[in-house]
Amino acid sequence: MRTAATHDTGDALAGPLAGTSRPGGPSGDRTTAPQRQARPSAEGPARSAGLAFLPMTLVDFVLAVRVARLLEWFGRPRVLAAGVGLTAVGMAWLSRVDLHTPYPTGVALPMLVIGAGQGLAPAPMTSSGVDGVAPEDAGAGSGLVNTVHQVGSALALSILTAAAATVSTGHSAADVAARTATALTGSAVLLALAVAAVLTLIVPARASRKQRTM
């Protein structure tokens, strides 16, 4: 019974944990390996992984489409702070996952929160990065923002993966969950720092610039 329960939990967690490990967790191959060993065909787990991502993807898509209107209503700083904040909350929630975490409340709901944050944050984050740049330098400014994004993602991924690799429980399935939780906890910490950066750097700068133009 314990083995069956572990496999069922693993199937529920395999997709979300593999995907959420991209910004700062163990590799998807390491996460889904126990499921491939448990079943000869990967078709079932692959389908489960796709369905597990569907709610987050839908929320991400809907908010990304509506973000321009939200920026008009609430302004860039508020939308950006809300997006990064929601992503941090969702990541902190998801980092509590273990082998016995139920998918609906322990994985699906935090992924919905993460999806909402990911739908809100990218557009105002990019525009904030080039805010105040002269028109003739807009291309270089945008390229610099994208470069910092890629380098920062790679650096965070390497640090968090190294931290996760130090965790060992002596049980393969438990190792996957523990290492993933460690990486997601680190991701939540980095996102909390991002929230602090938005509130202390971007929001005040935007407010002062608006006052100067009045």
N, C-alpha and C. Protein backbone atom coordinates (compact mmCIF):
# COMPACT_ATOMS: atom_id res chain seq x y z
N MET A 1 0.82 -1.20 0.00
CA MET A 1 0.00 0.00 0.00
C MET A 1 0.86 1.25 0.00
N ARG A 2 1.93 1.23 0.75
CA ARG A 2 2.81 2.39 0.80
C ARG A 2 3.43 2.67 -0.56
N THR A 3 3.83 1.56 -1.27
CA THR A 3 4.42 1.74 -2.59
C THR A 3 3.42 2.32 -3.56
N ALA A 4 2.19 1.82 -3.52
CA ALA A 4 1.16 2.31 -4.42
C ALA A 4 0.87 3.78 -4.15
N ALA A 5 0.81 4.12 -2.89
CA ALA A 5 0.53 5.52 -2.54
C ALA A 5 1.66 6.43 -3.02
N THR A 6 2.89 5.95 -2.88
CA THR A 6 4.03 6.75 -3.34
C THR A 6 3.97 6.97 -4.84
N HIS A 7 3.61 5.92 -5.59
CA HIS A 7 3.52 6.06 -7.04
C HIS A 7 2.42 7.03 -7.43
N ASP A 8 1.25 6.94 -6.75
CA ASP A 8 0.15 7.84 -7.07
C ASP A 8 0.53 9.29 -6.80
N THR A 9 1.18 9.51 -5.65
CA THR A 9 1.62 10.86 -5.34
C THR A 9 2.65 11.35 -6.34
N GLY A 10 3.55 10.47 -6.72
CA GLY A 10 4.58 10.84 -7.69
C GLY A 10 3.98 11.24 -9.02
N ASP A 11 2.95 10.49 -9.48
CA ASP A 11 2.31 10.84 -10.74
C ASP A 11 1.67 12.22 -10.66
N ALA A 12 1.08 12.54 -9.50
CA ALA A 12 0.43 13.83 -9.35
C ALA A 12 1.44 14.97 -9.32
N LEU A 13 2.62 14.72 -8.76
CA LEU A 13 3.61 15.76 -8.58
C LEU A 13 4.61 15.85 -9.71
N ALA A 14 4.72 14.79 -10.51
CA ALA A 14 5.81 14.73 -11.49
C ALA A 14 5.82 15.93 -12.42
N GLY A 15 4.68 16.22 -13.06
CA GLY A 15 4.65 17.32 -14.01
C GLY A 15 4.90 18.67 -13.39
N PRO A 16 4.13 19.03 -12.35
CA PRO A 16 4.35 20.35 -11.76
C PRO A 16 5.75 20.54 -11.22
N LEU A 17 6.29 19.53 -10.55
CA LEU A 17 7.61 19.69 -9.97
C LEU A 17 8.68 19.78 -11.04
N ALA A 18 8.50 19.04 -12.11
CA ALA A 18 9.48 19.15 -13.20
C ALA A 18 9.46 20.53 -13.81
N GLY A 19 8.27 21.07 -14.00
CA GLY A 19 8.18 22.38 -14.64
C GLY A 19 8.61 23.51 -13.73
N THR A 20 8.18 23.46 -12.47
CA THR A 20 8.53 24.54 -11.58
C THR A 20 9.99 24.48 -11.19
N SER A 21 10.66 23.38 -11.49
CA SER A 21 12.09 23.32 -11.19
C SER A 21 12.90 24.08 -12.23
N ARG A 22 12.28 24.49 -13.35
CA ARG A 22 13.04 25.23 -14.36
C ARG A 22 13.66 26.51 -13.84
N PRO A 23 12.91 27.37 -13.08
CA PRO A 23 13.57 28.58 -12.62
C PRO A 23 14.53 28.38 -11.48
N GLY A 24 14.53 27.23 -10.82
CA GLY A 24 15.46 27.10 -9.71
C GLY A 24 15.34 25.81 -8.97
N GLY A 25 15.19 24.69 -9.67
CA GLY A 25 15.03 23.43 -8.96
C GLY A 25 15.75 22.32 -9.67
N PRO A 26 15.62 21.09 -9.19
CA PRO A 26 16.26 19.95 -9.83
C PRO A 26 15.73 19.76 -11.25
N SER A 27 16.46 19.05 -12.04
CA SER A 27 16.08 18.89 -13.43
C SER A 27 14.82 18.06 -13.55
N GLY A 28 14.09 18.27 -14.67
CA GLY A 28 12.89 17.51 -14.89
C GLY A 28 13.17 16.02 -14.99
N ASP A 29 14.33 15.64 -15.56
CA ASP A 29 14.66 14.23 -15.68
C ASP A 29 14.77 13.58 -14.32
N ARG A 30 15.39 14.26 -13.35
CA ARG A 30 15.54 13.69 -12.02
C ARG A 30 14.19 13.57 -11.34
N THR A 31 13.29 14.52 -11.60
CA THR A 31 11.99 14.51 -10.96
C THR A 31 11.10 13.39 -11.48
N THR A 32 11.14 13.16 -12.79
CA THR A 32 10.23 12.18 -13.37
C THR A 32 10.82 10.78 -13.44
N ALA A 33 12.08 10.60 -13.07
CA ALA A 33 12.71 9.29 -13.16
C ALA A 33 11.97 8.22 -12.37
N PRO A 34 11.54 8.46 -11.12
CA PRO A 34 10.82 7.42 -10.39
C PRO A 34 9.55 6.97 -11.09
N GLN A 35 8.87 7.88 -11.80
CA GLN A 35 7.65 7.49 -12.50
C GLN A 35 7.98 6.60 -13.70
N ARG A 36 9.07 6.90 -14.39
CA ARG A 36 9.44 6.07 -15.54
C ARG A 36 9.85 4.68 -15.08
N GLN A 37 10.49 4.60 -13.90
CA GLN A 37 10.88 3.30 -13.39
C GLN A 37 9.67 2.51 -12.91
N ALA A 38 8.64 3.24 -12.41
CA ALA A 38 7.48 2.56 -11.85
C ALA A 38 6.60 1.98 -12.95
N ARG A 39 6.61 2.60 -14.15
CA ARG A 39 5.75 2.15 -15.23
C ARG A 39 6.55 2.05 -16.51
N PRO A 40 6.35 0.97 -17.28
CA PRO A 40 7.13 0.79 -18.50
C PRO A 40 6.90 1.91 -19.50
N SER A 41 5.67 2.41 -19.60
CA SER A 41 5.37 3.45 -20.58
C SER A 41 5.27 4.79 -19.89
N ALA A 42 5.83 5.82 -20.54
CA ALA A 42 5.78 7.17 -19.98
C ALA A 42 4.55 7.93 -20.46
N GLU A 43 3.69 7.28 -21.23
CA GLU A 43 2.54 7.98 -21.79
C GLU A 43 1.62 8.49 -20.69
N GLY A 44 1.33 7.66 -19.68
CA GLY A 44 0.45 8.07 -18.60
C GLY A 44 0.99 9.26 -17.83
N PRO A 45 2.21 9.17 -17.27
CA PRO A 45 2.79 10.32 -16.57
C PRO A 45 2.92 11.56 -17.45
N ALA A 46 3.23 11.38 -18.73
CA ALA A 46 3.36 12.54 -19.62
C ALA A 46 2.02 13.24 -19.77
N ARG A 47 0.95 12.46 -19.92
CA ARG A 47 -0.38 13.07 -20.03
C ARG A 47 -0.75 13.76 -18.74
N SER A 48 -0.44 13.13 -17.61
CA SER A 48 -0.73 13.74 -16.31
C SER A 48 0.04 15.04 -16.14
N ALA A 49 1.30 15.04 -16.60
CA ALA A 49 2.10 16.26 -16.49
C ALA A 49 1.49 17.39 -17.29
N GLY A 50 1.04 17.09 -18.51
CA GLY A 50 0.42 18.12 -19.33
C GLY A 50 -0.85 18.67 -18.71
N LEU A 51 -1.69 17.78 -18.20
CA LEU A 51 -2.93 18.23 -17.57
C LEU A 51 -2.64 19.00 -16.29
N ALA A 52 -1.57 18.62 -15.57
CA ALA A 52 -1.24 19.31 -14.33
C ALA A 52 -0.85 20.76 -14.59
N PHE A 53 -0.24 21.02 -15.74
CA PHE A 53 0.17 22.38 -16.08
C PHE A 53 -0.96 23.22 -16.65
N LEU A 54 -2.05 22.59 -17.08
CA LEU A 54 -3.09 23.31 -17.79
C LEU A 54 -3.70 24.47 -17.00
N PRO A 55 -4.09 24.29 -15.72
CA PRO A 55 -4.69 25.42 -14.99
C PRO A 55 -3.75 26.63 -14.89
N MET A 56 -2.48 26.38 -14.57
CA MET A 56 -1.52 27.48 -14.46
C MET A 56 -1.36 28.18 -15.80
N THR A 57 -1.29 27.41 -16.87
CA THR A 57 -1.10 27.99 -18.20
C THR A 57 -2.29 28.85 -18.60
N LEU A 58 -3.50 28.39 -18.29
CA LEU A 58 -4.70 29.15 -18.63
C LEU A 58 -4.74 30.48 -17.89
N VAL A 59 -4.44 30.46 -16.59
CA VAL A 59 -4.43 31.69 -15.81
C VAL A 59 -3.36 32.64 -16.34
N ASP A 60 -2.18 32.10 -16.62
CA ASP A 60 -1.08 32.89 -17.17
C ASP A 60 -1.52 33.56 -18.47
N PHE A 61 -2.14 32.80 -19.36
CA PHE A 61 -2.55 33.31 -20.66
C PHE A 61 -3.60 34.41 -20.52
N VAL A 62 -4.62 34.17 -19.70
CA VAL A 62 -5.71 35.14 -19.55
C VAL A 62 -5.18 36.47 -19.01
N LEU A 63 -4.35 36.42 -17.98
CA LEU A 63 -3.84 37.65 -17.40
C LEU A 63 -2.83 38.34 -18.32
N ALA A 64 -2.04 37.56 -19.05
CA ALA A 64 -1.09 38.17 -19.99
C ALA A 64 -1.83 38.93 -21.09
N VAL A 65 -3.00 38.41 -21.50
CA VAL A 65 -3.79 39.10 -22.52
C VAL A 65 -4.41 40.37 -21.95
N ARG A 66 -4.78 40.35 -20.67
CA ARG A 66 -5.45 41.49 -20.05
C ARG A 66 -4.50 42.47 -19.38
N VAL A 67 -3.21 42.18 -19.38
CA VAL A 67 -2.29 42.99 -18.59
C VAL A 67 -2.23 44.43 -19.09
N ALA A 68 -2.40 44.67 -20.38
CA ALA A 68 -2.37 46.04 -20.90
C ALA A 68 -3.50 46.87 -20.28
N ARG A 69 -4.68 46.29 -20.19
CA ARG A 69 -5.81 47.00 -19.57
C ARG A 69 -5.57 47.20 -18.07
N LEU A 70 -4.99 46.21 -17.42
CA LEU A 70 -4.69 46.34 -15.99
C LEU A 70 -3.66 47.44 -15.75
N LEU A 71 -2.72 47.58 -16.66
CA LEU A 71 -1.72 48.65 -16.53
C LEU A 71 -2.38 50.02 -16.65
N GLU A 72 -3.37 50.12 -17.50
CA GLU A 72 -4.09 51.39 -17.63
C GLU A 72 -4.87 51.71 -16.36
N TRP A 73 -5.44 50.68 -15.76
CA TRP A 73 -6.28 50.89 -14.58
C TRP A 73 -5.46 51.17 -13.32
N PHE A 74 -4.42 50.37 -13.11
CA PHE A 74 -3.72 50.41 -11.82
C PHE A 74 -2.31 50.98 -11.90
N GLY A 75 -1.75 51.09 -13.08
CA GLY A 75 -0.40 51.61 -13.22
C GLY A 75 0.64 50.51 -13.15
N ARG A 76 1.79 50.79 -13.76
CA ARG A 76 2.84 49.78 -13.86
C ARG A 76 3.38 49.31 -12.51
N PRO A 77 3.71 50.20 -11.56
CA PRO A 77 4.30 49.72 -10.30
C PRO A 77 3.40 48.74 -9.54
N ARG A 78 2.10 49.04 -9.49
CA ARG A 78 1.19 48.17 -8.75
C ARG A 78 1.05 46.81 -9.42
N VAL A 79 0.93 46.81 -10.74
CA VAL A 79 0.80 45.54 -11.45
C VAL A 79 2.07 44.71 -11.30
N LEU A 80 3.23 45.36 -11.42
CA LEU A 80 4.50 44.65 -11.27
C LEU A 80 4.65 44.09 -9.86
N ALA A 81 4.36 44.90 -8.85
CA ALA A 81 4.47 44.43 -7.47
C ALA A 81 3.52 43.28 -7.20
N ALA A 82 2.30 43.38 -7.75
CA ALA A 82 1.33 42.30 -7.57
C ALA A 82 1.80 41.02 -8.25
N GLY A 83 2.35 41.14 -9.46
CA GLY A 83 2.80 39.95 -10.18
C GLY A 83 3.95 39.25 -9.49
N VAL A 84 4.97 40.01 -9.09
CA VAL A 84 6.11 39.39 -8.41
C VAL A 84 5.69 38.87 -7.05
N GLY A 85 4.82 39.60 -6.36
CA GLY A 85 4.36 39.15 -5.05
C GLY A 85 3.56 37.85 -5.13
N LEU A 86 2.66 37.76 -6.11
CA LEU A 86 1.88 36.53 -6.28
C LEU A 86 2.79 35.35 -6.62
N THR A 87 3.78 35.58 -7.46
CA THR A 87 4.71 34.50 -7.80
C THR A 87 5.48 34.03 -6.58
N ALA A 88 5.90 34.97 -5.73
CA ALA A 88 6.62 34.61 -4.51
C ALA A 88 5.73 33.82 -3.56
N VAL A 89 4.49 34.26 -3.40
CA VAL A 89 3.56 33.54 -2.51
C VAL A 89 3.29 32.13 -3.04
N GLY A 90 3.03 32.02 -4.34
CA GLY A 90 2.79 30.71 -4.92
C GLY A 90 3.98 29.79 -4.79
N MET A 91 5.19 30.32 -4.99
CA MET A 91 6.38 29.50 -4.88
C MET A 91 6.61 29.05 -3.44
N ALA A 92 6.39 29.95 -2.48
CA ALA A 92 6.53 29.57 -1.07
C ALA A 92 5.53 28.49 -0.70
N TRP A 93 4.32 28.60 -1.20
CA TRP A 93 3.29 27.60 -0.95
C TRP A 93 3.68 26.27 -1.57
N LEU A 94 4.12 26.30 -2.82
CA LEU A 94 4.49 25.07 -3.52
C LEU A 94 5.70 24.40 -2.88
N SER A 95 6.57 25.17 -2.24
CA SER A 95 7.79 24.61 -1.65
C SER A 95 7.49 23.70 -0.47
N ARG A 96 6.26 23.70 0.03
CA ARG A 96 5.88 22.83 1.16
C ARG A 96 5.56 21.42 0.70
N VAL A 97 5.72 21.14 -0.58
CA VAL A 97 5.31 19.87 -1.14
C VAL A 97 6.17 18.73 -0.60
N ASP A 98 5.55 17.56 -0.43
CA ASP A 98 6.26 16.32 -0.11
C ASP A 98 5.53 15.17 -0.76
N LEU A 99 5.93 13.94 -0.43
CA LEU A 99 5.34 12.77 -1.09
C LEU A 99 3.86 12.61 -0.78
N HIS A 100 3.41 13.16 0.32
CA HIS A 100 2.02 12.96 0.74
C HIS A 100 1.16 14.20 0.49
N THR A 101 1.68 15.17 -0.24
CA THR A 101 0.92 16.38 -0.52
C THR A 101 -0.19 16.09 -1.52
N PRO A 102 -1.44 16.43 -1.22
CA PRO A 102 -2.52 16.24 -2.20
C PRO A 102 -2.36 17.22 -3.36
N TYR A 103 -2.60 16.75 -4.56
CA TYR A 103 -2.40 17.60 -5.73
C TYR A 103 -3.30 18.84 -5.73
N PRO A 104 -4.60 18.74 -5.46
CA PRO A 104 -5.46 19.93 -5.60
C PRO A 104 -5.02 21.10 -4.73
N THR A 105 -4.75 20.84 -3.45
CA THR A 105 -4.45 21.94 -2.53
C THR A 105 -2.96 22.22 -2.39
N GLY A 106 -2.12 21.22 -2.63
CA GLY A 106 -0.69 21.39 -2.41
C GLY A 106 0.10 21.71 -3.65
N VAL A 107 -0.48 21.43 -4.82
CA VAL A 107 0.23 21.67 -6.07
C VAL A 107 -0.58 22.56 -7.02
N ALA A 108 -1.84 22.18 -7.28
CA ALA A 108 -2.64 22.91 -8.26
C ALA A 108 -2.90 24.35 -7.84
N LEU A 109 -3.33 24.56 -6.60
CA LEU A 109 -3.65 25.92 -6.16
C LEU A 109 -2.42 26.83 -6.15
N PRO A 110 -1.29 26.40 -5.58
CA PRO A 110 -0.12 27.29 -5.67
C PRO A 110 0.34 27.53 -7.10
N MET A 111 0.15 26.55 -7.99
CA MET A 111 0.51 26.77 -9.38
C MET A 111 -0.40 27.80 -10.04
N LEU A 112 -1.67 27.85 -9.62
CA LEU A 112 -2.57 28.89 -10.13
C LEU A 112 -2.09 30.27 -9.70
N VAL A 113 -1.62 30.37 -8.45
CA VAL A 113 -1.11 31.64 -7.96
C VAL A 113 0.15 32.04 -8.74
N ILE A 114 1.03 31.06 -8.96
CA ILE A 114 2.24 31.33 -9.75
C ILE A 114 1.87 31.76 -11.17
N GLY A 115 0.88 31.09 -11.76
CA GLY A 115 0.44 31.45 -13.10
C GLY A 115 -0.08 32.88 -13.17
N ALA A 116 -0.81 33.30 -12.13
CA ALA A 116 -1.30 34.67 -12.09
C ALA A 116 -0.13 35.65 -12.03
N GLY A 117 0.85 35.34 -11.20
CA GLY A 117 2.01 36.23 -11.10
C GLY A 117 2.80 36.28 -12.39
N GLN A 118 2.96 35.13 -13.05
CA GLN A 118 3.70 35.11 -14.30
C GLN A 118 2.96 35.82 -15.41
N GLY A 119 1.64 35.85 -15.34
CA GLY A 119 0.89 36.59 -16.34
C GLY A 119 0.99 38.09 -16.17
N LEU A 120 1.15 38.54 -14.92
CA LEU A 120 1.18 39.97 -14.63
C LEU A 120 2.56 40.60 -14.73
N ALA A 121 3.59 39.88 -14.33
CA ALA A 121 4.90 40.51 -14.10
C ALA A 121 5.74 40.82 -15.35
N PRO A 122 5.82 39.95 -16.35
CA PRO A 122 6.83 40.17 -17.40
C PRO A 122 6.72 41.50 -18.14
N ALA A 123 5.51 41.89 -18.56
CA ALA A 123 5.38 43.12 -19.35
C ALA A 123 5.80 44.37 -18.57
N PRO A 124 5.26 44.59 -17.34
CA PRO A 124 5.72 45.79 -16.61
C PRO A 124 7.17 45.70 -16.17
N MET A 125 7.68 44.49 -15.99
CA MET A 125 9.09 44.35 -15.60
C MET A 125 10.01 44.78 -16.73
N THR A 126 9.68 44.35 -17.95
CA THR A 126 10.50 44.74 -19.10
C THR A 126 10.41 46.23 -19.36
N SER A 127 9.20 46.79 -19.31
CA SER A 127 9.05 48.22 -19.56
C SER A 127 9.70 49.05 -18.47
N SER A 128 9.72 48.55 -17.23
CA SER A 128 10.41 49.28 -16.16
C SER A 128 11.91 49.28 -16.40
N GLY A 129 12.42 48.22 -17.01
CA GLY A 129 13.85 48.14 -17.27
C GLY A 129 14.34 49.16 -18.28
N VAL A 130 13.45 49.59 -19.18
CA VAL A 130 13.85 50.57 -20.20
C VAL A 130 13.20 51.93 -19.95
N ASP A 131 12.57 52.07 -18.79
CA ASP A 131 11.92 53.34 -18.47
C ASP A 131 12.97 54.45 -18.34
N GLY A 132 12.77 55.55 -19.01
CA GLY A 132 13.71 56.66 -18.95
C GLY A 132 14.85 56.58 -19.93
N VAL A 133 14.93 55.50 -20.69
CA VAL A 133 16.00 55.35 -21.69
C VAL A 133 15.67 56.20 -22.91
N ALA A 134 16.67 56.85 -23.45
CA ALA A 134 16.46 57.68 -24.64
C ALA A 134 15.97 56.82 -25.80
N PRO A 135 15.10 57.35 -26.66
CA PRO A 135 14.55 56.56 -27.76
C PRO A 135 15.62 55.89 -28.62
N GLU A 136 16.72 56.60 -28.86
CA GLU A 136 17.77 56.01 -29.71
C GLU A 136 18.51 54.86 -29.02
N ASP A 137 18.36 54.76 -27.70
CA ASP A 137 19.02 53.68 -26.95
C ASP A 137 18.04 52.60 -26.50
N ALA A 138 16.80 52.67 -26.96
CA ALA A 138 15.77 51.73 -26.50
C ALA A 138 16.12 50.29 -26.84
N GLY A 139 16.67 50.07 -28.05
CA GLY A 139 17.03 48.72 -28.44
C GLY A 139 18.12 48.14 -27.56
N ALA A 140 19.14 48.95 -27.28
CA ALA A 140 20.22 48.48 -26.41
C ALA A 140 19.71 48.25 -24.99
N GLY A 141 18.83 49.12 -24.51
CA GLY A 141 18.28 48.94 -23.18
C GLY A 141 17.47 47.67 -23.06
N SER A 142 16.64 47.39 -24.07
CA SER A 142 15.85 46.16 -24.07
C SER A 142 16.75 44.93 -24.12
N GLY A 143 17.80 45.00 -24.92
CA GLY A 143 18.73 43.88 -24.99
C GLY A 143 19.44 43.64 -23.68
N LEU A 144 19.79 44.72 -22.98
CA LEU A 144 20.44 44.59 -21.68
C LEU A 144 19.50 43.93 -20.66
N VAL A 145 18.22 44.33 -20.69
CA VAL A 145 17.24 43.71 -19.79
C VAL A 145 17.15 42.21 -20.04
N ASN A 146 17.06 41.83 -21.30
CA ASN A 146 16.96 40.41 -21.64
C ASN A 146 18.23 39.65 -21.25
N THR A 147 19.39 40.28 -21.42
CA THR A 147 20.64 39.63 -21.06
C THR A 147 20.72 39.38 -19.56
N VAL A 148 20.37 40.40 -18.78
CA VAL A 148 20.38 40.24 -17.33
C VAL A 148 19.39 39.16 -16.90
N HIS A 149 18.25 39.12 -17.57
CA HIS A 149 17.26 38.08 -17.26
C HIS A 149 17.84 36.68 -17.48
N GLN A 150 18.47 36.47 -18.62
CA GLN A 150 19.01 35.15 -18.93
C GLN A 150 20.17 34.78 -18.00
N VAL A 151 21.07 35.72 -17.76
CA VAL A 151 22.21 35.44 -16.90
C VAL A 151 21.74 35.19 -15.47
N GLY A 152 20.81 36.01 -14.99
CA GLY A 152 20.30 35.82 -13.64
C GLY A 152 19.59 34.49 -13.48
N SER A 153 18.81 34.10 -14.49
CA SER A 153 18.12 32.80 -14.42
C SER A 153 19.11 31.65 -14.36
N ALA A 154 20.14 31.71 -15.21
CA ALA A 154 21.14 30.64 -15.22
C ALA A 154 21.90 30.58 -13.90
N LEU A 155 22.26 31.74 -13.35
CA LEU A 155 22.99 31.76 -12.08
C LEU A 155 22.13 31.22 -10.94
N ALA A 156 20.88 31.66 -10.87
CA ALA A 156 19.98 31.17 -9.82
C ALA A 156 19.75 29.68 -9.96
N LEU A 157 19.57 29.21 -11.20
CA LEU A 157 19.35 27.78 -11.42
C LEU A 157 20.53 26.95 -10.93
N SER A 158 21.74 27.40 -11.23
CA SER A 158 22.93 26.64 -10.83
C SER A 158 23.07 26.62 -9.31
N ILE A 159 22.81 27.75 -8.65
CA ILE A 159 22.93 27.81 -7.19
C ILE A 159 21.90 26.92 -6.51
N LEU A 160 20.65 27.03 -6.95
CA LEU A 160 19.59 26.27 -6.31
C LEU A 160 19.69 24.78 -6.61
N THR A 161 20.13 24.43 -7.80
CA THR A 161 20.32 23.01 -8.11
C THR A 161 21.43 22.42 -7.26
N ALA A 162 22.51 23.18 -7.06
CA ALA A 162 23.60 22.71 -6.20
C ALA A 162 23.12 22.54 -4.76
N ALA A 163 22.30 23.47 -4.29
CA ALA A 163 21.77 23.36 -2.93
C ALA A 163 20.86 22.15 -2.80
N ALA A 164 20.02 21.92 -3.80
CA ALA A 164 19.11 20.78 -3.75
C ALA A 164 19.86 19.46 -3.78
N ALA A 165 20.98 19.42 -4.49
CA ALA A 165 21.74 18.17 -4.61
C ALA A 165 22.36 17.75 -3.28
N THR A 166 22.47 18.66 -2.33
CA THR A 166 23.06 18.31 -1.03
C THR A 166 22.07 17.59 -0.12
N VAL A 167 20.79 17.57 -0.49
CA VAL A 167 19.77 16.96 0.36
C VAL A 167 19.67 15.48 0.05
N SER A 168 19.67 14.65 1.08
CA SER A 168 19.55 13.21 0.91
C SER A 168 18.78 12.62 2.07
N THR A 169 17.81 11.77 1.74
CA THR A 169 17.01 11.10 2.76
C THR A 169 17.24 9.60 2.81
N GLY A 170 17.99 9.08 1.83
CA GLY A 170 18.22 7.65 1.78
C GLY A 170 17.14 6.89 1.05
N HIS A 171 16.16 7.58 0.50
CA HIS A 171 15.07 6.94 -0.24
C HIS A 171 14.88 7.73 -1.53
N SER A 172 14.87 7.05 -2.67
CA SER A 172 14.90 7.74 -3.95
C SER A 172 13.71 8.67 -4.14
N ALA A 173 12.50 8.19 -3.88
CA ALA A 173 11.32 9.02 -4.07
C ALA A 173 11.31 10.19 -3.09
N ALA A 174 11.68 9.93 -1.85
CA ALA A 174 11.72 11.00 -0.85
C ALA A 174 12.81 12.01 -1.20
N ASP A 175 13.91 11.54 -1.77
CA ASP A 175 14.97 12.46 -2.20
C ASP A 175 14.45 13.45 -3.23
N VAL A 176 13.67 12.94 -4.19
CA VAL A 176 13.13 13.81 -5.22
C VAL A 176 12.29 14.92 -4.61
N ALA A 177 11.38 14.53 -3.71
CA ALA A 177 10.50 15.52 -3.09
C ALA A 177 11.29 16.50 -2.22
N ALA A 178 12.24 15.98 -1.44
CA ALA A 178 13.01 16.85 -0.54
C ALA A 178 13.89 17.82 -1.32
N ARG A 179 14.53 17.34 -2.38
CA ARG A 179 15.39 18.21 -3.17
C ARG A 179 14.57 19.27 -3.92
N THR A 180 13.41 18.85 -4.41
CA THR A 180 12.55 19.81 -5.10
C THR A 180 12.06 20.87 -4.13
N ALA A 181 11.65 20.45 -2.93
CA ALA A 181 11.20 21.41 -1.93
C ALA A 181 12.31 22.38 -1.55
N THR A 182 13.53 21.88 -1.46
CA THR A 182 14.67 22.76 -1.13
C THR A 182 14.88 23.80 -2.23
N ALA A 183 14.85 23.35 -3.48
CA ALA A 183 15.05 24.28 -4.59
C ALA A 183 13.92 25.30 -4.67
N LEU A 184 12.69 24.85 -4.45
CA LEU A 184 11.56 25.78 -4.51
C LEU A 184 11.58 26.76 -3.35
N THR A 185 12.06 26.32 -2.20
CA THR A 185 12.21 27.24 -1.07
C THR A 185 13.23 28.32 -1.41
N GLY A 186 14.34 27.92 -2.01
CA GLY A 186 15.33 28.91 -2.45
C GLY A 186 14.75 29.86 -3.48
N SER A 187 13.93 29.33 -4.39
CA SER A 187 13.30 30.19 -5.39
C SER A 187 12.37 31.20 -4.72
N ALA A 188 11.65 30.76 -3.69
CA ALA A 188 10.76 31.67 -2.97
C ALA A 188 11.55 32.78 -2.29
N VAL A 189 12.71 32.44 -1.74
CA VAL A 189 13.56 33.45 -1.10
C VAL A 189 14.02 34.48 -2.14
N LEU A 190 14.46 34.02 -3.30
CA LEU A 190 14.90 34.94 -4.34
C LEU A 190 13.76 35.82 -4.82
N LEU A 191 12.56 35.26 -4.91
CA LEU A 191 11.41 36.04 -5.32
C LEU A 191 11.03 37.07 -4.26
N ALA A 192 11.21 36.71 -2.99
CA ALA A 192 10.97 37.68 -1.92
C ALA A 192 11.94 38.85 -2.04
N LEU A 193 13.19 38.57 -2.39
CA LEU A 193 14.15 39.64 -2.64
C LEU A 193 13.74 40.49 -3.83
N ALA A 194 13.16 39.84 -4.84
CA ALA A 194 12.68 40.59 -6.00
C ALA A 194 11.54 41.52 -5.62
N VAL A 195 10.64 41.05 -4.76
CA VAL A 195 9.55 41.91 -4.28
C VAL A 195 10.13 43.13 -3.55
N ALA A 196 11.12 42.88 -2.70
CA ALA A 196 11.75 43.99 -1.97
C ALA A 196 12.40 44.97 -2.94
N ALA A 197 13.03 44.46 -3.99
CA ALA A 197 13.67 45.34 -4.97
C ALA A 197 12.63 46.18 -5.70
N VAL A 198 11.51 45.58 -6.06
CA VAL A 198 10.45 46.32 -6.74
C VAL A 198 9.92 47.43 -5.85
N LEU A 199 9.68 47.11 -4.58
CA LEU A 199 9.08 48.09 -3.66
C LEU A 199 10.05 49.21 -3.28
N THR A 200 11.33 48.92 -3.27
CA THR A 200 12.30 49.92 -2.82
C THR A 200 12.97 50.66 -3.97
N LEU A 201 12.98 50.09 -5.16
CA LEU A 201 13.68 50.71 -6.28
C LEU A 201 12.74 51.21 -7.37
N ILE A 202 11.86 50.32 -7.85
CA ILE A 202 11.04 50.68 -9.01
C ILE A 202 9.87 51.57 -8.62
N VAL A 203 9.16 51.19 -7.57
CA VAL A 203 7.97 51.98 -7.18
C VAL A 203 8.35 53.41 -6.79
N PRO A 204 9.33 53.63 -5.92
CA PRO A 204 9.69 55.03 -5.59
C PRO A 204 10.22 55.81 -6.79
N ALA A 205 11.01 55.16 -7.65
CA ALA A 205 11.55 55.85 -8.82
C ALA A 205 10.44 56.29 -9.75
N ARG A 206 9.45 55.44 -9.93
CA ARG A 206 8.32 55.79 -10.79
C ARG A 206 7.53 56.95 -10.19
N ALA A 207 7.34 56.92 -8.88
CA ALA A 207 6.59 57.99 -8.22
C ALA A 207 7.32 59.33 -8.33
N SER A 208 8.63 59.32 -8.12
CA SER A 208 9.40 60.57 -8.21
C SER A 208 9.43 61.10 -9.63
N ARG A 209 9.49 60.22 -10.62
CA ARG A 209 9.49 60.66 -12.01
C ARG A 209 8.15 61.28 -12.38
N LYS A 210 7.07 60.72 -11.84
CA LYS A 210 5.75 61.26 -12.11
C LYS A 210 5.59 62.65 -11.49
N GLN A 211 6.16 62.82 -10.28
CA GLN A 211 6.08 64.12 -9.63
C GLN A 211 6.85 65.19 -10.41
N ARG A 212 7.97 64.81 -11.01
CA ARG A 212 8.77 65.78 -11.76
C ARG A 212 8.08 66.23 -13.03
N THR A 213 7.21 65.36 -13.58
CA THR A 213 6.54 65.69 -14.82
C THR A 213 5.25 66.47 -14.59
N MET A 214 4.80 66.56 -13.34
CA MET A 214 3.55 67.27 -13.03
C MET A 214 3.76 68.80 -13.05
